[in-house]
Amino acid sequence: MSLNGIMSSALSALQTNTEALRLTSNNIANINTQGYARRVANEGTLSAGGQLGGVDIAFVQRVIDKYLGREVLSAGGSSARYDTQASMYGQLNGLLGSPGDGTALTSQLTNVSTALGQSVLSPTDSAAQLGSLAAFQSLATQISTLSNSVNGLRTQADQQIVGAVSQVNQLLKQIHDLNVQAQAATIAGDTGSAAFDQRDIAIQSLSQLVGIRTQDMSDGSIAITTADGTSLVGTNYAQLSYTGGATNGTYGPITIQNINPNTGATVGSPQPLDAHLDGGQIKGLLDMRDTALANTAEELGNLARQTALAYNAQHNANTSFPPPPTLNGRDSGLLSTDGLNFTGKTTIAIADQNGNLVSRIDVDFDAGTMSVDGGAATSFAGTVGGFTAALNTALGGNGTASFTDGALSISANGGNGIVVKDDATTPASRGGSGFSQFFGLNDVFRTSQPSILATGLSASDDSGLAAGGQIALSLKGPDGSIVKQATVTIAAGMTIGDVVGAMNTAMSGAMSFSLNSDGSISETAANPANRLNVTSDTTQRGSTGMSFSELFGIGDQQAANFAAGFSVNPSLTSSPQYLAFAQAQIDSTTVAGDTIVGHGDSSGALALQNVGSATQSFAAAGNFGGRTATLGDYAGSFYQDVALASQNATSNQTAQDDRLQEAQSRQSQTSGVSLDEELTNMTTYQQAYSASARMLTVVNQLYDTLLQIQ
């Protein structure tokens, strides 16, 4: 080899070891930099004409393990999903408290029974009455507060989704731009470009928000999709859209649309994304908002409804001493033109302040007649309005009856009170509810919508809905996909049966509705896992202000709504002395002057106390199928359901966090910087550099010697 060849080899060695030392120094400098993959200089020989001519860096390698990289992304998405769930369950558990806590629903129900037990001992004592009222109010307040809190958590999750979607959009654009830089670096042979590290960091951040899969492309770019293959970054990049907010408790889908990076214009039409997500923070938030918290709200609403039904049924069967001067019913959703549709018999009595009968009106709904104080039976029209008019006439100077905006009201004159008692043998019934109970004349609890869904309406009854009103229905799958959407528009003259038929036609078999003999509507989904939402309902029955879906409790959100605004009847709040702790004694032989309500009668209080231990029939709601249980047992199951779901989320969180930690540890061992290894490399490259420099010195000396010979 000539001296020039030796010099060339030495110079190449100097340059190569200089670059290797630079890479080593960068590795050491970035030892704590997140996402940095150490660089390794892969050296190769230089040759010309088959002759060795020195050394060069063939390529700079980022030390990465693609399998571990994908495992970190997958584990990161799953970990973020369950971290989110566990965090929200922590908040939910804090709101609910433990079953033994004084504020827990189980404790509140026990407190009601305890307070009623005191009222059994002294039913007319004001302190006992106030104690029972306070227990009722505390239970109602706790149910309403929990309902608001659960809805607040759903809103919180929804707002976090809005923020996460914005972050995803920023990352998708950033990753696409870094892909462009990575492609340019690959073409230029710069395989150690910082763009690769920056892109990896952005991809890891994206995986925390959305579960993703990656595919390395030959041009140096990375294609990113969801787990099921929905493209997020490729030739184009995706943009997510979600504004947040609920309509009637129903949240819209997150949509995805491609963006042309050259023009910024959208490509194609937006498509729902929810069903394509299986990991990341957004999936965890969707799980909580649309499933876990929705189930909790429905179960709570179901407890509220059955609590109202059970206590209201008994309280309406009772009376107070002295009887209340007025019984104001709730909005029943009925119109004065609706058929009365009651069967059996009831008695509406006027009693004085001593509990003595002043006058009685016996109503025989089967015969369509009523008689005053045992007199001749007179017929009344078979409509709600016709009955009210006849009752008002029968009351005469003793009282008045009115039916306004769906609410029945009966008042006594002259300081007397009203007592309603269904016949013991053939009690009055509409859809399975007694006369006073159906109209809510003497309710303990009030719900934001009717707790009695057995309306007593038939298919041939006029719907009472104005033309043009619309019911918007949405059937949502368990993965968040929209299975079916439909809108029913009310036409003039439609009957209840017509509306039900129109709903069936609109849903095309995905969901079917049937009007039962008691006037309730049953919903049956082709896939039981799907949820029915009424996204909007602009219908209204006459002047009642009640929509069709509210009247019949249609849609899963309606079940949750029973707990919202759950409260004690304002009539009792202002006048606790009218708590119905007695029971009227009226039979066919009772005449004016007879005592029908006793001063010390506590049979009504005892019956109310027994409600707490009585078995109730609960409808299906949330994770619960239809069941029979006491109110306390159902409340306990409610807490257990949340506890089990919370435990599952925590277990999944622990497993996925451990999985992520292990993957990151292994990745760090492979791609991370080892200070000992880098110091060893530095020494090696330094010695090689010194040897190359020494070689140049020798060549220089040889040149000097040759020049001296000349």
Foldseek 3Di string as FASTA:
>chain_A
DDLVLLLQQLVQLLVALVVQLVLLVVQVVCQPPPLQFRKGFAKDFDDDPNHTRHIHRPAIDRFFDVVLLQLLLQLLFLLLLLVLQLVLLVVLCVLQDDCPDCLHLLNLLVQLLVLLVVCLVPVQDPVSLVSNLVSLFSNLVSLQVSLVVLVVSLQVLQVVLVVLLVLLQVLQVLLQVLLVVQLVCVVVRHNPDCSVSVNSVSSSVNSQAFRWGWDQDPSRHIWIAFPVRHGADDQWHKHWDADTDAFLLHGDFIWIWTARVVPRDTDDDIDGCLLRTDGHNNVSSCCSNVAVSLQLLLLSLLLLLQVQLLLLQLQLQFWFQVGAQKFKFDQLQDDQQWFQLKAAKKKKFKAANQQFTAKIWIDGLVVQWIDIQPDDTDHFDRGNNRVQVVVQVNCPQQWHWDADLRMIMIGGPDRIHIHMHADPPTGMDQLRGGDCSSRVRRTFKDFPFDSDQLSSHDQQAFPQWDFQKKWWKWKAAPSGDTPFIFMATDDPRHGNNNSQVSVCVRRVQQKHWDQDNSRAIDIDGPDVRIWMDRSDTRIGRHSNRDTPCRSRVPTQSSSSRRSNPMRTDVVCVVPSSTRRQAGFDDDPPRGGRHRGTHNSGRNSSVSSSCLQVDWDWTPDGRPRHTDIDGSSVSSVVSVVVSVVVSVVSVVSSVVSVVSSVVSVVVRCVRRRRDPVVSVVSSVVSVVSSVVSVVSVVVSVVVVVVVVVVD
